[in-house]
Amino acid sequence: MADKNLKVGELRQMTDDQLSEKLLMLKKEQFNLRFQDATGQLQSTARVREVRRAVARVKTLQVQRKATATKTDKKAEA
């Protein structure tokens, strides 16, 4: 199961590979939660929301890092 309270500060300290691994883990958990919900076995519906938001945080950081890398590459070329 993913961390209960995934903080942005903790995510910022992770490398790109660690972020990708975390995203994969969260996506798997999200799939399992959806499956549990469909079969009526889901205990905590709030966990679905937590995982969805954690996925969004990781993806946001990945996009921000990519944008920063692109921006610095363009400055280096100029």
Protein backbone atom coordinates (compact mmCIF):
# COMPACT_ATOMS: atom_id res chain seq x y z
CA MET A 1 0.00 0.00 0.00
CA ALA A 2 1.22 3.50 -0.74
CA ASP A 3 2.22 5.99 1.90
CA LYS A 4 -0.80 7.27 3.80
CA ASN A 5 0.16 10.94 3.52
CA LEU A 6 2.31 11.53 0.46
CA LYS A 7 3.89 14.97 0.84
CA VAL A 8 5.13 17.04 -2.09
CA GLY A 9 8.38 17.76 -0.24
CA GLU A 10 9.11 14.05 -0.03
CA LEU A 11 8.36 13.63 -3.72
CA ARG A 12 10.64 16.52 -4.70
CA GLN A 13 13.56 14.73 -3.03
CA MET A 14 13.04 11.62 -5.17
CA THR A 15 14.91 11.00 -8.40
CA ASP A 16 13.10 10.65 -11.72
CA ASP A 17 13.42 6.87 -11.56
CA GLN A 18 12.02 6.78 -8.05
CA LEU A 19 9.09 8.94 -9.15
CA SER A 20 8.35 6.61 -12.04
CA GLU A 21 8.47 3.64 -9.70
CA LYS A 22 6.18 5.41 -7.22
CA LEU A 23 3.73 6.24 -10.02
CA LEU A 24 3.66 2.61 -11.13
CA MET A 25 3.01 1.47 -7.56
CA LEU A 26 0.20 4.02 -7.14
CA LYS A 27 -1.39 3.01 -10.44
CA LYS A 28 -1.39 -0.64 -9.34
CA GLU A 29 -2.98 0.29 -6.04
CA GLN A 30 -5.56 2.42 -7.84
CA PHE A 31 -6.45 -0.54 -10.06
CA ASN A 32 -6.79 -2.83 -7.03
CA LEU A 33 -9.00 -0.31 -5.25
CA ARG A 34 -11.25 0.00 -8.28
CA PHE A 35 -11.50 -3.77 -8.47
CA GLN A 36 -12.36 -3.99 -4.76
CA ASP A 37 -15.00 -1.32 -5.22
CA ALA A 38 -16.58 -3.18 -8.13
CA THR A 39 -16.74 -6.41 -6.14
CA GLY A 40 -18.04 -4.72 -2.99
CA GLN A 41 -14.94 -5.45 -0.90
CA LEU A 42 -13.64 -1.90 -0.57
CA GLN A 43 -13.22 -0.93 3.10
CA SER A 44 -12.15 2.70 2.82
CA THR A 45 -13.57 4.75 -0.02
CA ALA A 46 -11.42 7.69 1.06
CA ARG A 47 -8.33 5.74 0.00
CA VAL A 48 -9.45 5.97 -3.64
CA ARG A 49 -9.34 9.74 -3.39
CA GLU A 50 -5.96 9.74 -1.64
CA VAL A 51 -4.38 7.54 -4.29
CA ARG A 52 -5.91 9.56 -7.15
CA ARG A 53 -4.46 12.75 -5.70
CA ALA A 54 -1.07 11.13 -5.09
CA VAL A 55 -0.97 10.06 -8.75
CA ALA A 56 -1.73 13.65 -9.75
CA ARG A 57 1.07 14.96 -7.51
CA VAL A 58 3.64 12.60 -9.03
CA LYS A 59 2.56 13.38 -12.58
CA THR A 60 2.65 17.11 -11.87
CA LEU A 61 6.22 16.86 -10.59
CA GLN A 62 7.26 14.84 -13.63
CA VAL A 63 5.82 17.47 -15.99
CA GLN A 64 7.44 20.30 -14.02
CA ARG A 65 10.83 18.60 -14.19
CA LYS A 66 10.47 17.99 -17.91
CA ALA A 67 9.51 21.63 -18.48
CA THR A 68 12.47 22.83 -16.44
CA ALA A 69 14.83 20.56 -18.36
CA THR A 70 13.47 21.81 -21.68
CA LYS A 71 13.77 25.41 -20.56
CA THR A 72 17.41 24.99 -19.50
CA ASP A 73 18.21 23.19 -22.77
CA LYS A 74 16.83 26.09 -24.79
CA LYS A 75 18.89 28.57 -22.76
CA ALA A 76 22.02 26.50 -23.33
CA GLU A 77 21.45 26.51 -27.09
CA ALA A 78 21.01 30.31 -27.24
